[in-house]
Amino acid sequence: MAKFEDCIQRLEKIVQELEKGEVPLEKSLTLFEEGMRLSTSCRKELEEAEGKVEILLKQNGKVQPEPFDSVSR
């Protein structure tokens, strides 16, 4: 499985290609299918990471979610 960052970069390239509208239909479908697979993979990885964060934040048997502020970290 590709790394999350690699998947995101590839998804961005696919979106850019499809947005141009210059790709033949057959290739558009192939790109769309690849994009859907990458999207599913990224979503799964994010869900796993979220689960790990919740486990780390467990206190007294209760999950206490805390917002992640990527700007201040």
C-alpha atoms as a PDB file:
ATOM      1  CA  MET A   1       0.000   0.000   0.000  1.00  0.00           C
ATOM      2  CA  ALA A   2       1.283   3.462  -0.881  1.00  0.00           C
ATOM      3  CA  LYS A   3       1.944   6.059   1.773  1.00  0.00           C
ATOM      4  CA  PHE A   4      -0.829   8.520   2.582  1.00  0.00           C
ATOM      5  CA  GLU A   5       1.075  11.520   1.236  1.00  0.00           C
ATOM      6  CA  ASP A   6       1.826   9.694  -2.025  1.00  0.00           C
ATOM      7  CA  CYS A   7      -1.849   8.822  -2.437  1.00  0.00           C
ATOM      8  CA  ILE A   8      -2.896  12.437  -1.887  1.00  0.00           C
ATOM      9  CA  GLN A   9      -0.361  13.721  -4.416  1.00  0.00           C
ATOM     10  CA  ARG A  10      -1.528  11.207  -7.026  1.00  0.00           C
ATOM     11  CA  LEU A  11      -5.168  12.108  -6.346  1.00  0.00           C
ATOM     12  CA  GLU A  12      -4.351  15.780  -6.902  1.00  0.00           C
ATOM     13  CA  LYS A  13      -2.720  14.955 -10.257  1.00  0.00           C
ATOM     14  CA  ILE A  14      -5.726  12.867 -11.310  1.00  0.00           C
ATOM     15  CA  VAL A  15      -8.130  15.680 -10.413  1.00  0.00           C
ATOM     16  CA  GLN A  16      -6.040  18.200 -12.347  1.00  0.00           C
ATOM     17  CA  GLU A  17      -6.027  15.941 -15.428  1.00  0.00           C
ATOM     18  CA  LEU A  18      -9.764  15.351 -15.270  1.00  0.00           C
ATOM     19  CA  GLU A  19     -10.542  19.043 -14.691  1.00  0.00           C
ATOM     20  CA  LYS A  20      -8.695  20.004 -17.872  1.00  0.00           C
ATOM     21  CA  GLY A  21     -11.283  18.029 -19.820  1.00  0.00           C
ATOM     22  CA  GLU A  22      -8.745  17.081 -22.480  1.00  0.00           C
ATOM     23  CA  VAL A  23      -8.536  13.393 -21.563  1.00  0.00           C
ATOM     24  CA  PRO A  24     -10.366  10.860 -23.771  1.00  0.00           C
ATOM     25  CA  LEU A  25     -13.381   9.166 -22.171  1.00  0.00           C
ATOM     26  CA  GLU A  26     -11.694   5.769 -21.762  1.00  0.00           C
ATOM     27  CA  LYS A  27      -8.689   7.303 -19.986  1.00  0.00           C
ATOM     28  CA  SER A  28     -11.013   9.482 -17.883  1.00  0.00           C
ATOM     29  CA  LEU A  29     -12.768   6.357 -16.640  1.00  0.00           C
ATOM     30  CA  THR A  30      -9.454   4.684 -15.852  1.00  0.00           C
ATOM     31  CA  LEU A  31      -8.268   7.762 -13.959  1.00  0.00           C
ATOM     32  CA  PHE A  32     -11.575   7.992 -12.103  1.00  0.00           C
ATOM     33  CA  GLU A  33     -11.333   4.339 -11.025  1.00  0.00           C
ATOM     34  CA  GLU A  34      -7.763   4.856  -9.827  1.00  0.00           C
ATOM     35  CA  GLY A  35      -8.847   7.968  -7.949  1.00  0.00           C
ATOM     36  CA  MET A  36     -11.652   6.090  -6.213  1.00  0.00           C
ATOM     37  CA  ARG A  37      -9.238   3.343  -5.103  1.00  0.00           C
ATOM     38  CA  LEU A  38      -6.788   5.942  -3.787  1.00  0.00           C
ATOM     39  CA  SER A  39      -9.576   7.823  -2.033  1.00  0.00           C
ATOM     40  CA  THR A  40     -10.745   4.635  -0.302  1.00  0.00           C
ATOM     41  CA  SER A  41      -7.186   3.833   0.761  1.00  0.00           C
ATOM     42  CA  CYS A  42      -6.650   7.347   2.157  1.00  0.00           C
ATOM     43  CA  ARG A  43      -9.969   7.294   4.008  1.00  0.00           C
ATOM     44  CA  LYS A  44      -9.108   3.916   5.578  1.00  0.00           C
ATOM     45  CA  GLU A  45      -5.709   5.195   6.685  1.00  0.00           C
ATOM     46  CA  LEU A  46      -7.282   8.321   8.217  1.00  0.00           C
ATOM     47  CA  GLU A  47      -9.868   6.236  10.078  1.00  0.00           C
ATOM     48  CA  GLU A  48      -7.110   3.997  11.477  1.00  0.00           C
ATOM     49  CA  ALA A  49      -5.136   7.047  12.593  1.00  0.00           C
ATOM     50  CA  GLU A  50      -8.236   8.520  14.225  1.00  0.00           C
ATOM     51  CA  GLY A  51      -8.791   5.262  16.093  1.00  0.00           C
ATOM     52  CA  LYS A  52      -5.210   5.312  17.368  1.00  0.00           C
ATOM     53  CA  VAL A  53      -5.583   8.925  18.523  1.00  0.00           C
ATOM     54  CA  GLU A  54      -8.812   8.091  20.379  1.00  0.00           C
ATOM     55  CA  ILE A  55      -7.092   5.197  22.147  1.00  0.00           C
ATOM     56  CA  LEU A  56      -4.271   7.499  23.190  1.00  0.00           C
ATOM     57  CA  LEU A  57      -6.769  10.050  24.529  1.00  0.00           C
ATOM     58  CA  LYS A  58      -8.780   7.533  26.571  1.00  0.00           C
ATOM     59  CA  GLN A  59      -9.040   8.488  30.195  1.00  0.00           C
ATOM     60  CA  ASN A  60     -11.047   6.594  32.805  1.00  0.00           C
ATOM     61  CA  GLY A  61     -12.574   4.385  30.135  1.00  0.00           C
ATOM     62  CA  LYS A  62     -14.087   7.318  28.244  1.00  0.00           C
ATOM     63  CA  VAL A  63     -12.870   8.847  25.026  1.00  0.00           C
ATOM     64  CA  GLN A  64     -12.386  12.551  25.355  1.00  0.00           C
ATOM     65  CA  PRO A  65     -11.817  13.813  21.810  1.00  0.00           C
ATOM     66  CA  GLU A  66      -9.680  16.870  21.481  1.00  0.00           C
ATOM     67  CA  PRO A  67      -9.473  19.034  18.361  1.00  0.00           C
ATOM     68  CA  PHE A  68      -6.247  18.776  16.418  1.00  0.00           C
ATOM     69  CA  ASP A  69      -4.946  22.208  15.553  1.00  0.00           C
ATOM     70  CA  SER A  70      -2.293  21.593  12.918  1.00  0.00           C
ATOM     71  CA  VAL A  71      -1.455  25.298  12.700  1.00  0.00           C
ATOM     72  CA  SER A  72      -0.203  25.577  16.277  1.00  0.00           C
ATOM     73  CA  ARG A  73       1.752  22.300  16.276  1.00  0.00           C
END
